[in-house]
Amino acid sequence: MAIDVLYAKKPTKAGTDQEFNDAMQWEKVQKSVKDLFGIKVDGEKHPQDKAIVEQLDRIRNVFNSIAVPGAPETPVPALAKDKKRLFCGDGHQTYIKPGDPVPGHPEATGAAPDGSWLILGVSTGSLADQVPDRLWKAVPPPPGRAARGQKVSDPPCNKVVPGQQLGARTSKNWNMLLICDETLESPATLKELKATIHTDMSLNDKSLITVLSKVMLHEFIHLYNDIGDLRCVKIDRSGRPEMKDDVPARSDRPCYGYLSSYLLAQYVPRDAPKTADTFVMFAMSIYFKDWVWVGPNGLAKPVAKKP
């Protein structure tokens, strides 16, 4: 895992070409950790302070809970820790009767007295015919969507306003992940877009944030950890946070994208590891290893390296 380099001593730039390149990658990871989590890792200090190591451990645990089979989840309340895992059955949807075992998890039973629907990638065209009405009650429209014309009883994937399509949604209480068709039609992985990155391109670029693997990572962070979507820091016209009772005010918008994650880390760093997209933006910033991301909008600059 890329963040592991920060547990080791920073390589010297004055050594071999490989040591120089390793040092630049160390600094790249150091910068992303500072910009997106507000964690300041001292390149001249080894080992790091215990508090810094604990913060790095928390980031590693979140990714391990998704990527490493059998890895423990991050510490969560008992009720959340007992949640069932996502199961994708025949036809991308499976009904678990009350008391029946959850496929793949014989020790677990249906998550609700009247059974549970575990859903992945159902059709937006005829959802009402395929899935019980209670699905929409379990996965309601995002805040503010009703004000734009969507009813609570409408399928959550309905495109009420162009450009405001819901990509996916996780119901933590029901342990259910719904992925909308439009997201399933997006490019599958960031690997396909590596060649499109150029100087001053933002990590917020729409071509990057709509990729299926990015959306899936965001939702899996919800599903496998007790991490939600916190509200953004409210910014005034000067680019500074609006203050309320001597603390940064929060908007009614969820913290999505690089800019929101960056501002949260700078002004309310304790909340940075409590919202899902911070982890997604960090993963993306590290994945494109030839680029470092600069400023609030995450603008691409090439990482210096020796051949």
C-alpha atoms as a PDB file:
ATOM      1  CA  MET A   1       0.000   0.000   0.000  1.00  0.00           C
ATOM      2  CA  ALA A   2       1.442   3.398  -1.024  1.00  0.00           C
ATOM      3  CA  ILE A   3       0.924   4.976   2.401  1.00  0.00           C
ATOM      4  CA  ASP A   4       3.362   2.425   3.862  1.00  0.00           C
ATOM      5  CA  VAL A   5       6.307   4.530   2.674  1.00  0.00           C
ATOM      6  CA  LEU A   6       5.497   7.117   5.347  1.00  0.00           C
ATOM      7  CA  TYR A   7       6.247   4.582   8.101  1.00  0.00           C
ATOM      8  CA  ALA A   8       9.821   4.374   6.798  1.00  0.00           C
ATOM      9  CA  LYS A   9      12.578   6.948   6.784  1.00  0.00           C
ATOM     10  CA  LYS A  10      12.431   9.383   3.885  1.00  0.00           C
ATOM     11  CA  PRO A  11      14.959   8.405   1.178  1.00  0.00           C
ATOM     12  CA  THR A  12      17.720  10.877   0.400  1.00  0.00           C
ATOM     13  CA  LYS A  13      17.587  12.864  -2.826  1.00  0.00           C
ATOM     14  CA  ALA A  14      21.384  13.023  -2.887  1.00  0.00           C
ATOM     15  CA  GLY A  15      21.831   9.289  -3.441  1.00  0.00           C
ATOM     16  CA  THR A  16      21.271   7.186  -6.545  1.00  0.00           C
ATOM     17  CA  ASP A  17      18.717   8.001  -9.230  1.00  0.00           C
ATOM     18  CA  GLN A  18      16.438   5.349  -7.691  1.00  0.00           C
ATOM     19  CA  GLU A  19      16.781   6.913  -4.237  1.00  0.00           C
ATOM     20  CA  PHE A  20      15.933  10.322  -5.735  1.00  0.00           C
ATOM     21  CA  ASN A  21      12.811   8.879  -7.388  1.00  0.00           C
ATOM     22  CA  ASP A  22      11.835   7.099  -4.169  1.00  0.00           C
ATOM     23  CA  ALA A  23      12.215  10.385  -2.276  1.00  0.00           C
ATOM     24  CA  MET A  24       9.927  12.175  -4.737  1.00  0.00           C
ATOM     25  CA  GLN A  25       7.279   9.457  -4.363  1.00  0.00           C
ATOM     26  CA  TRP A  26       7.621   9.726  -0.554  1.00  0.00           C
ATOM     27  CA  GLU A  27       7.000  13.473  -0.784  1.00  0.00           C
ATOM     28  CA  LYS A  28       4.039  12.892  -3.116  1.00  0.00           C
ATOM     29  CA  VAL A  29       2.347  10.598  -0.581  1.00  0.00           C
ATOM     30  CA  GLN A  30       3.289  12.965   2.261  1.00  0.00           C
ATOM     31  CA  LYS A  31       1.609  15.853   0.426  1.00  0.00           C
ATOM     32  CA  SER A  32      -1.595  13.904  -0.297  1.00  0.00           C
ATOM     33  CA  VAL A  33      -1.875  12.842   3.358  1.00  0.00           C
ATOM     34  CA  LYS A  34      -1.464  16.461   4.460  1.00  0.00           C
ATOM     35  CA  ASP A  35      -3.792  17.954   1.816  1.00  0.00           C
ATOM     36  CA  LEU A  36      -6.621  15.439   2.239  1.00  0.00           C
ATOM     37  CA  PHE A  37      -6.384  14.348   5.883  1.00  0.00           C
ATOM     38  CA  GLY A  38      -4.561  17.262   7.512  1.00  0.00           C
ATOM     39  CA  ILE A  39      -1.864  14.880   8.777  1.00  0.00           C
ATOM     40  CA  LYS A  40       1.637  16.395   8.853  1.00  0.00           C
ATOM     41  CA  VAL A  41       4.282  13.690   8.502  1.00  0.00           C
ATOM     42  CA  ASP A  42       7.768  15.045   9.244  1.00  0.00           C
ATOM     43  CA  GLY A  43      10.247  13.899   6.606  1.00  0.00           C
ATOM     44  CA  GLU A  44      13.181  14.503   8.932  1.00  0.00           C
ATOM     45  CA  LYS A  45      11.747  12.491  11.814  1.00  0.00           C
ATOM     46  CA  HIS A  46      11.870   8.706  12.164  1.00  0.00           C
ATOM     47  CA  PRO A  47      10.105   7.001  13.697  1.00  0.00           C
ATOM     48  CA  GLN A  48       7.064   9.266  13.588  1.00  0.00           C
ATOM     49  CA  ASP A  49       5.177  10.280  16.735  1.00  0.00           C
ATOM     50  CA  LYS A  50       2.692   7.728  18.025  1.00  0.00           C
ATOM     51  CA  ALA A  51      -0.270  10.029  17.255  1.00  0.00           C
ATOM     52  CA  ILE A  52       0.822  10.320  13.587  1.00  0.00           C
ATOM     53  CA  VAL A  53       1.263   6.548  13.281  1.00  0.00           C
ATOM     54  CA  GLU A  54      -2.225   5.971  14.713  1.00  0.00           C
ATOM     55  CA  GLN A  55      -3.727   8.339  12.129  1.00  0.00           C
ATOM     56  CA  LEU A  56      -1.881   6.579   9.305  1.00  0.00           C
ATOM     57  CA  ASP A  57      -3.050   3.219  10.681  1.00  0.00           C
ATOM     58  CA  ARG A  58      -6.646   4.366  10.511  1.00  0.00           C
ATOM     59  CA  ILE A  59      -6.323   5.213   6.811  1.00  0.00           C
ATOM     60  CA  ARG A  60      -4.683   1.841   6.090  1.00  0.00           C
ATOM     61  CA  ASN A  61      -7.419  -0.022   7.991  1.00  0.00           C
ATOM     62  CA  VAL A  62     -10.187   1.572   5.931  1.00  0.00           C
ATOM     63  CA  PHE A  63      -8.597   0.452   2.661  1.00  0.00           C
ATOM     64  CA  ASN A  64      -7.689  -2.959   4.070  1.00  0.00           C
ATOM     65  CA  SER A  65     -11.286  -3.565   5.129  1.00  0.00           C
ATOM     66  CA  ILE A  66     -12.210  -3.458   1.441  1.00  0.00           C
ATOM     67  CA  ALA A  67      -9.139  -4.822  -0.340  1.00  0.00           C
ATOM     68  CA  VAL A  68      -7.780  -7.552   1.958  1.00  0.00           C
ATOM     69  CA  PRO A  69      -9.898 -10.720   2.363  1.00  0.00           C
ATOM     70  CA  GLY A  70     -10.578 -11.389   6.016  1.00  0.00           C
ATOM     71  CA  ALA A  71      -9.178  -8.068   7.193  1.00  0.00           C
ATOM     72  CA  PRO A  72     -10.992  -6.591  10.201  1.00  0.00           C
ATOM     73  CA  GLU A  73     -13.143  -3.546   9.742  1.00  0.00           C
ATOM     74  CA  THR A  74     -12.191  -0.304  11.391  1.00  0.00           C
ATOM     75  CA  PRO A  75     -13.573  -0.052  14.941  1.00  0.00           C
ATOM     76  CA  VAL A  76     -17.305   0.646  14.681  1.00  0.00           C
ATOM     77  CA  PRO A  77     -20.284   0.604  17.038  1.00  0.00           C
ATOM     78  CA  ALA A  78     -21.489  -2.917  17.809  1.00  0.00           C
ATOM     79  CA  LEU A  79     -24.717  -2.545  15.823  1.00  0.00           C
ATOM     80  CA  ALA A  80     -22.900  -1.379  12.702  1.00  0.00           C
ATOM     81  CA  LYS A  81     -20.243  -4.069  13.063  1.00  0.00           C
ATOM     82  CA  ASP A  82     -22.937  -6.746  13.010  1.00  0.00           C
ATOM     83  CA  LYS A  83     -24.236  -5.633   9.625  1.00  0.00           C
ATOM     84  CA  LYS A  84     -24.409  -8.197   6.834  1.00  0.00           C
ATOM     85  CA  ARG A  85     -22.210  -8.033   3.766  1.00  0.00           C
ATOM     86  CA  LEU A  86     -23.342  -7.171   0.267  1.00  0.00           C
ATOM     87  CA  PHE A  87     -24.437 -10.202  -1.760  1.00  0.00           C
ATOM     88  CA  CYS A  88     -24.952 -10.038  -5.512  1.00  0.00           C
ATOM     89  CA  GLY A  89     -27.251 -12.881  -6.525  1.00  0.00           C
ATOM     90  CA  ASP A  90     -28.762 -14.159  -9.748  1.00  0.00           C
ATOM     91  CA  GLY A  91     -30.151 -11.309 -11.834  1.00  0.00           C
ATOM     92  CA  HIS A  92     -28.274  -8.841  -9.626  1.00  0.00           C
ATOM     93  CA  GLN A  93     -30.855  -8.995  -6.856  1.00  0.00           C
ATOM     94  CA  THR A  94     -31.613 -11.496  -4.130  1.00  0.00           C
ATOM     95  CA  TYR A  95     -34.423 -11.666  -1.600  1.00  0.00           C
ATOM     96  CA  ILE A  96     -33.528 -13.051   1.828  1.00  0.00           C
ATOM     97  CA  LYS A  97     -36.534 -14.360   3.734  1.00  0.00           C
ATOM     98  CA  PRO A  98     -36.835 -13.672   7.478  1.00  0.00           C
ATOM     99  CA  GLY A  99     -34.618 -16.095   9.367  1.00  0.00           C
ATOM    100  CA  ASP A 100     -32.957 -17.499   6.234  1.00  0.00           C
ATOM    101  CA  PRO A 101     -29.149 -17.491   6.033  1.00  0.00           C
ATOM    102  CA  VAL A 102     -27.475 -14.846   3.913  1.00  0.00           C
ATOM    103  CA  PRO A 103     -25.649 -16.583   1.013  1.00  0.00           C
ATOM    104  CA  GLY A 104     -21.950 -16.733   1.759  1.00  0.00           C
ATOM    105  CA  HIS A 105     -22.558 -15.901   5.424  1.00  0.00           C
ATOM    106  CA  PRO A 106     -24.341 -18.903   7.014  1.00  0.00           C
ATOM    107  CA  GLU A 107     -24.011 -17.385  10.488  1.00  0.00           C
ATOM    108  CA  ALA A 108     -26.086 -14.344   9.436  1.00  0.00           C
ATOM    109  CA  THR A 109     -29.831 -14.050   8.880  1.00  0.00           C
ATOM    110  CA  GLY A 110     -32.131 -11.644   7.052  1.00  0.00           C
ATOM    111  CA  ALA A 111     -31.582  -8.041   8.105  1.00  0.00           C
ATOM    112  CA  ALA A 112     -35.230  -7.116   8.701  1.00  0.00           C
ATOM    113  CA  PRO A 113     -38.335  -8.823  10.126  1.00  0.00           C
ATOM    114  CA  ASP A 114     -39.955  -8.937   6.681  1.00  0.00           C
ATOM    115  CA  GLY A 115     -36.775  -9.980   4.871  1.00  0.00           C
ATOM    116  CA  SER A 116     -34.169  -8.042   2.942  1.00  0.00           C
ATOM    117  CA  TRP A 117     -33.430  -7.138  -0.638  1.00  0.00           C
ATOM    118  CA  LEU A 118     -29.718  -7.028  -1.425  1.00  0.00           C
ATOM    119  CA  ILE A 119     -29.346  -5.225  -4.752  1.00  0.00           C
ATOM    120  CA  LEU A 120     -26.553  -4.426  -7.185  1.00  0.00           C
ATOM    121  CA  GLY A 121     -27.156  -2.720 -10.521  1.00  0.00           C
ATOM    122  CA  VAL A 122     -30.879  -3.026 -11.097  1.00  0.00           C
ATOM    123  CA  SER A 123     -32.571  -1.455 -14.117  1.00  0.00           C
ATOM    124  CA  THR A 124     -33.916   2.092 -13.900  1.00  0.00           C
ATOM    125  CA  GLY A 125     -36.528   1.341 -16.536  1.00  0.00           C
ATOM    126  CA  SER A 126     -38.907  -0.911 -14.640  1.00  0.00           C
ATOM    127  CA  LEU A 127     -37.754  -0.822 -11.043  1.00  0.00           C
ATOM    128  CA  ALA A 128     -41.256  -0.498  -9.641  1.00  0.00           C
ATOM    129  CA  ASP A 129     -42.153  -3.848 -11.225  1.00  0.00           C
ATOM    130  CA  GLN A 130     -38.995  -5.593 -10.047  1.00  0.00           C
ATOM    131  CA  VAL A 131     -38.469  -4.443  -6.482  1.00  0.00           C
ATOM    132  CA  PRO A 132     -40.888  -3.887  -3.579  1.00  0.00           C
ATOM    133  CA  ASP A 133     -41.880  -0.339  -2.786  1.00  0.00           C
ATOM    134  CA  ARG A 134     -40.042  -0.532   0.520  1.00  0.00           C
ATOM    135  CA  LEU A 135     -36.725  -0.352  -1.355  1.00  0.00           C
ATOM    136  CA  TRP A 136     -37.384   3.317  -2.054  1.00  0.00           C
ATOM    137  CA  LYS A 137     -38.160   3.873   1.604  1.00  0.00           C
ATOM    138  CA  ALA A 138     -34.900   2.145   2.526  1.00  0.00           C
ATOM    139  CA  VAL A 139     -32.900   4.157  -0.007  1.00  0.00           C
ATOM    140  CA  PRO A 140     -34.583   7.581  -0.104  1.00  0.00           C
ATOM    141  CA  PRO A 141     -33.554  10.373  -2.477  1.00  0.00           C
ATOM    142  CA  PRO A 142     -30.532  12.414  -1.354  1.00  0.00           C
ATOM    143  CA  PRO A 143     -31.272  15.578   0.656  1.00  0.00           C
ATOM    144  CA  GLY A 144     -32.582  18.368  -1.528  1.00  0.00           C
ATOM    145  CA  ARG A 145     -33.672  16.126  -4.402  1.00  0.00           C
ATOM    146  CA  ALA A 146     -37.311  16.412  -3.385  1.00  0.00           C
ATOM    147  CA  ALA A 147     -37.023  20.172  -3.778  1.00  0.00           C
ATOM    148  CA  ARG A 148     -35.945  19.549  -7.384  1.00  0.00           C
ATOM    149  CA  GLY A 149     -39.043  17.538  -8.181  1.00  0.00           C
ATOM    150  CA  GLN A 150     -38.341  13.956  -7.089  1.00  0.00           C
ATOM    151  CA  LYS A 151     -40.849  12.278  -4.824  1.00  0.00           C
ATOM    152  CA  VAL A 152     -39.757   9.998  -1.996  1.00  0.00           C
ATOM    153  CA  SER A 153     -41.709   7.183  -3.665  1.00  0.00           C
ATOM    154  CA  ASP A 154     -39.822   7.594  -6.970  1.00  0.00           C
ATOM    155  CA  PRO A 155     -37.029   5.154  -7.838  1.00  0.00           C
ATOM    156  CA  PRO A 156     -33.789   6.780  -6.623  1.00  0.00           C
ATOM    157  CA  CYS A 157     -32.128   6.511 -10.042  1.00  0.00           C
ATOM    158  CA  ASN A 158     -34.735   8.722 -11.758  1.00  0.00           C
ATOM    159  CA  LYS A 159     -33.127  11.602 -13.603  1.00  0.00           C
ATOM    160  CA  VAL A 160     -35.383  14.509 -12.633  1.00  0.00           C
ATOM    161  CA  VAL A 161     -32.995  17.244 -13.725  1.00  0.00           C
ATOM    162  CA  PRO A 162     -30.341  16.743 -16.451  1.00  0.00           C
ATOM    163  CA  GLY A 163     -26.903  16.357 -14.920  1.00  0.00           C
ATOM    164  CA  GLN A 164     -28.283  15.431 -11.501  1.00  0.00           C
ATOM    165  CA  GLN A 165     -28.407  11.676 -11.951  1.00  0.00           C
ATOM    166  CA  LEU A 166     -27.765   9.666  -8.811  1.00  0.00           C
ATOM    167  CA  GLY A 167     -24.762   7.395  -9.423  1.00  0.00           C
ATOM    168  CA  ALA A 168     -25.125   5.020  -6.503  1.00  0.00           C
ATOM    169  CA  ARG A 169     -26.400   4.915  -2.958  1.00  0.00           C
ATOM    170  CA  THR A 170     -25.664   2.787   0.091  1.00  0.00           C
ATOM    171  CA  SER A 171     -28.163   2.148   2.850  1.00  0.00           C
ATOM    172  CA  LYS A 172     -26.039   1.301   5.890  1.00  0.00           C
ATOM    173  CA  ASN A 173     -29.037   0.255   7.975  1.00  0.00           C
ATOM    174  CA  TRP A 174     -30.105  -2.256   5.325  1.00  0.00           C
ATOM    175  CA  ASN A 175     -26.548  -3.084   4.257  1.00  0.00           C
ATOM    176  CA  MET A 176     -27.586  -2.498   0.654  1.00  0.00           C
ATOM    177  CA  LEU A 177     -25.767  -0.929  -2.278  1.00  0.00           C
ATOM    178  CA  LEU A 178     -27.750   0.358  -5.258  1.00  0.00           C
ATOM    179  CA  ILE A 179     -25.832   1.248  -8.435  1.00  0.00           C
ATOM    180  CA  CYS A 180     -27.719   3.104 -11.158  1.00  0.00           C
ATOM    181  CA  ASP A 181     -27.532   2.139 -14.822  1.00  0.00           C
ATOM    182  CA  GLU A 182     -25.866   5.358 -15.916  1.00  0.00           C
ATOM    183  CA  THR A 183     -22.953   4.628 -13.584  1.00  0.00           C
ATOM    184  CA  LEU A 184     -22.654   1.081 -14.903  1.00  0.00           C
ATOM    185  CA  GLU A 185     -22.245   2.571 -18.390  1.00  0.00           C
ATOM    186  CA  SER A 186     -19.314   4.787 -17.279  1.00  0.00           C
ATOM    187  CA  PRO A 187     -15.661   3.867 -17.955  1.00  0.00           C
ATOM    188  CA  ALA A 188     -14.828   0.922 -15.706  1.00  0.00           C
ATOM    189  CA  THR A 189     -11.458   1.911 -14.233  1.00  0.00           C
ATOM    190  CA  LEU A 190      -9.090   4.853 -13.915  1.00  0.00           C
ATOM    191  CA  LYS A 191      -6.472   2.795 -15.758  1.00  0.00           C
ATOM    192  CA  GLU A 192      -8.293   3.598 -18.996  1.00  0.00           C
ATOM    193  CA  LEU A 193      -7.807   7.334 -18.314  1.00  0.00           C
ATOM    194  CA  LYS A 194      -4.140   7.410 -17.284  1.00  0.00           C
ATOM    195  CA  ALA A 195      -3.045   8.707 -20.676  1.00  0.00           C
ATOM    196  CA  THR A 196      -5.522  11.613 -20.510  1.00  0.00           C
ATOM    197  CA  ILE A 197      -3.924  13.278 -17.460  1.00  0.00           C
ATOM    198  CA  HIS A 198      -2.143  16.522 -18.336  1.00  0.00           C
ATOM    199  CA  THR A 199      -0.593  19.491 -16.529  1.00  0.00           C
ATOM    200  CA  ASP A 200      -3.165  21.584 -14.620  1.00  0.00           C
ATOM    201  CA  MET A 201      -5.938  19.014 -15.111  1.00  0.00           C
ATOM    202  CA  SER A 202      -8.006  18.869 -11.922  1.00  0.00           C
ATOM    203  CA  LEU A 203      -8.583  15.684  -9.972  1.00  0.00           C
ATOM    204  CA  ASN A 204     -12.169  16.992  -9.860  1.00  0.00           C
ATOM    205  CA  ASP A 205     -12.453  16.574 -13.648  1.00  0.00           C
ATOM    206  CA  LYS A 206     -15.791  14.959 -14.523  1.00  0.00           C
ATOM    207  CA  SER A 207     -14.090  12.315 -16.666  1.00  0.00           C
ATOM    208  CA  LEU A 208     -12.350  11.021 -13.521  1.00  0.00           C
ATOM    209  CA  ILE A 209     -15.031  11.288 -10.848  1.00  0.00           C
ATOM    210  CA  THR A 210     -17.726   9.435 -12.838  1.00  0.00           C
ATOM    211  CA  VAL A 211     -15.595   6.295 -13.330  1.00  0.00           C
ATOM    212  CA  LEU A 212     -17.315   3.146 -12.034  1.00  0.00           C
ATOM    213  CA  SER A 213     -14.371   2.026  -9.876  1.00  0.00           C
ATOM    214  CA  LYS A 214     -14.307   5.447  -8.178  1.00  0.00           C
ATOM    215  CA  VAL A 215     -18.034   5.272  -7.400  1.00  0.00           C
ATOM    216  CA  MET A 216     -17.703   1.676  -6.170  1.00  0.00           C
ATOM    217  CA  LEU A 217     -14.831   2.593  -3.836  1.00  0.00           C
ATOM    218  CA  HIS A 218     -16.889   5.427  -2.346  1.00  0.00           C
ATOM    219  CA  GLU A 219     -19.863   3.134  -1.726  1.00  0.00           C
ATOM    220  CA  PHE A 220     -17.735   0.283  -0.361  1.00  0.00           C
ATOM    221  CA  ILE A 221     -16.213   2.685   2.166  1.00  0.00           C
ATOM    222  CA  HIS A 222     -19.775   3.316   3.368  1.00  0.00           C
ATOM    223  CA  LEU A 223     -20.656  -0.378   3.289  1.00  0.00           C
ATOM    224  CA  TYR A 224     -17.590  -1.791   5.031  1.00  0.00           C
ATOM    225  CA  ASN A 225     -16.915   0.998   7.540  1.00  0.00           C
ATOM    226  CA  ASP A 226     -18.883   3.296   9.814  1.00  0.00           C
ATOM    227  CA  ILE A 227     -18.117   6.272   7.546  1.00  0.00           C
ATOM    228  CA  GLY A 228     -20.784   8.522   6.046  1.00  0.00           C
ATOM    229  CA  ASP A 229     -20.807  11.738   3.996  1.00  0.00           C
ATOM    230  CA  LEU A 230     -20.162  14.799   6.139  1.00  0.00           C
ATOM    231  CA  ARG A 231     -21.168  18.308   5.117  1.00  0.00           C
ATOM    232  CA  CYS A 232     -18.795  20.681   3.336  1.00  0.00           C
ATOM    233  CA  VAL A 233     -17.063  23.632   4.918  1.00  0.00           C
ATOM    234  CA  LYS A 234     -18.912  26.788   3.865  1.00  0.00           C
ATOM    235  CA  ILE A 235     -16.612  29.203   2.016  1.00  0.00           C
ATOM    236  CA  ASP A 236     -17.117  32.954   1.544  1.00  0.00           C
ATOM    237  CA  ARG A 237     -16.274  34.969  -1.584  1.00  0.00           C
ATOM    238  CA  SER A 238     -12.674  35.465  -0.471  1.00  0.00           C
ATOM    239  CA  GLY A 239     -12.149  31.709  -0.348  1.00  0.00           C
ATOM    240  CA  ARG A 240     -12.004  31.645   3.454  1.00  0.00           C
ATOM    241  CA  PRO A 241     -14.358  29.591   5.632  1.00  0.00           C
ATOM    242  CA  GLU A 242     -17.411  31.290   7.051  1.00  0.00           C
ATOM    243  CA  MET A 243     -17.193  31.189  10.832  1.00  0.00           C
ATOM    244  CA  LYS A 244     -20.000  30.384  13.250  1.00  0.00           C
ATOM    245  CA  ASP A 245     -19.334  30.432  16.992  1.00  0.00           C
ATOM    246  CA  ASP A 246     -15.592  30.542  16.212  1.00  0.00           C
ATOM    247  CA  VAL A 247     -15.675  27.321  14.152  1.00  0.00           C
ATOM    248  CA  PRO A 248     -16.029  26.889  10.368  1.00  0.00           C
ATOM    249  CA  ALA A 249     -19.682  26.806   9.288  1.00  0.00           C
ATOM    250  CA  ARG A 250     -20.908  23.814   7.303  1.00  0.00           C
ATOM    251  CA  SER A 251     -23.069  23.907   4.178  1.00  0.00           C
ATOM    252  CA  ASP A 252     -25.999  21.594   3.403  1.00  0.00           C
ATOM    253  CA  ARG A 253     -24.018  19.865   0.643  1.00  0.00           C
ATOM    254  CA  PRO A 254     -22.215  16.558   1.225  1.00  0.00           C
ATOM    255  CA  CYS A 255     -18.433  16.566   1.023  1.00  0.00           C
ATOM    256  CA  TYR A 256     -17.813  15.202  -2.480  1.00  0.00           C
ATOM    257  CA  GLY A 257     -14.771  15.786  -4.685  1.00  0.00           C
ATOM    258  CA  TYR A 258     -11.250  17.102  -4.225  1.00  0.00           C
ATOM    259  CA  LEU A 259     -12.046  20.722  -3.331  1.00  0.00           C
ATOM    260  CA  SER A 260     -14.493  19.797  -0.562  1.00  0.00           C
ATOM    261  CA  SER A 261     -12.116  17.158   0.814  1.00  0.00           C
ATOM    262  CA  TYR A 262      -9.174  19.569   0.715  1.00  0.00           C
ATOM    263  CA  LEU A 263     -11.050  22.345   2.526  1.00  0.00           C
ATOM    264  CA  LEU A 264     -12.320  19.957   5.185  1.00  0.00           C
ATOM    265  CA  ALA A 265      -8.769  18.726   5.856  1.00  0.00           C
ATOM    266  CA  GLN A 266      -7.401  22.262   6.097  1.00  0.00           C
ATOM    267  CA  TYR A 267     -10.062  23.749   8.358  1.00  0.00           C
ATOM    268  CA  VAL A 268     -11.611  20.798  10.241  1.00  0.00           C
ATOM    269  CA  PRO A 269      -8.910  18.091  10.031  1.00  0.00           C
ATOM    270  CA  ARG A 270     -10.483  15.947  12.749  1.00  0.00           C
ATOM    271  CA  ASP A 271     -13.433  15.344  10.377  1.00  0.00           C
ATOM    272  CA  ALA A 272     -11.362  14.472   7.291  1.00  0.00           C
ATOM    273  CA  PRO A 273     -11.211  10.707   8.047  1.00  0.00           C
ATOM    274  CA  LYS A 274     -14.934  10.673   8.887  1.00  0.00           C
ATOM    275  CA  THR A 275     -16.216  11.215   5.332  1.00  0.00           C
ATOM    276  CA  ALA A 276     -15.967   8.756   2.440  1.00  0.00           C
ATOM    277  CA  ASP A 277     -14.786  10.915  -0.452  1.00  0.00           C
ATOM    278  CA  THR A 278     -11.629  11.994   1.380  1.00  0.00           C
ATOM    279  CA  PHE A 279     -10.431   8.397   1.098  1.00  0.00           C
ATOM    280  CA  VAL A 280     -11.475   8.219  -2.560  1.00  0.00           C
ATOM    281  CA  MET A 281      -9.637  11.421  -3.475  1.00  0.00           C
ATOM    282  CA  PHE A 282      -6.570  10.176  -1.607  1.00  0.00           C
ATOM    283  CA  ALA A 283      -6.640   6.855  -3.476  1.00  0.00           C
ATOM    284  CA  MET A 284      -6.975   8.669  -6.805  1.00  0.00           C
ATOM    285  CA  SER A 285      -4.179  11.113  -5.986  1.00  0.00           C
ATOM    286  CA  ILE A 286      -1.840   8.191  -5.254  1.00  0.00           C
ATOM    287  CA  TYR A 287      -2.947   6.014  -8.174  1.00  0.00           C
ATOM    288  CA  PHE A 288      -1.670   8.502 -10.753  1.00  0.00           C
ATOM    289  CA  LYS A 289       1.911   8.095  -9.553  1.00  0.00           C
ATOM    290  CA  ASP A 290       3.486  10.405 -12.169  1.00  0.00           C
ATOM    291  CA  TRP A 291       1.484  13.397 -10.946  1.00  0.00           C
ATOM    292  CA  VAL A 292       1.280  15.461  -7.788  1.00  0.00           C
ATOM    293  CA  TRP A 293      -1.912  17.416  -7.089  1.00  0.00           C
ATOM    294  CA  VAL A 294      -1.552  21.074  -6.142  1.00  0.00           C
ATOM    295  CA  GLY A 295      -3.855  23.595  -4.462  1.00  0.00           C
ATOM    296  CA  PRO A 296      -7.522  23.432  -3.406  1.00  0.00           C
ATOM    297  CA  ASN A 297      -8.653  22.147  -6.819  1.00  0.00           C
ATOM    298  CA  GLY A 298      -5.978  19.451  -7.080  1.00  0.00           C
ATOM    299  CA  LEU A 299      -4.238  20.589 -10.288  1.00  0.00           C
ATOM    300  CA  ALA A 300      -1.840  18.082 -11.841  1.00  0.00           C
ATOM    301  CA  LYS A 301       1.889  18.800 -11.877  1.00  0.00           C
ATOM    302  CA  PRO A 302       4.445  16.214 -13.051  1.00  0.00           C
ATOM    303  CA  VAL A 303       6.471  14.496 -10.355  1.00  0.00           C
ATOM    304  CA  ALA A 304      10.184  15.163 -10.799  1.00  0.00           C
ATOM    305  CA  LYS A 305      12.126  11.980 -11.556  1.00  0.00           C
ATOM    306  CA  LYS A 306      15.426  10.788 -12.940  1.00  0.00           C
ATOM    307  CA  PRO A 307      15.559   8.214 -15.732  1.00  0.00           C
END
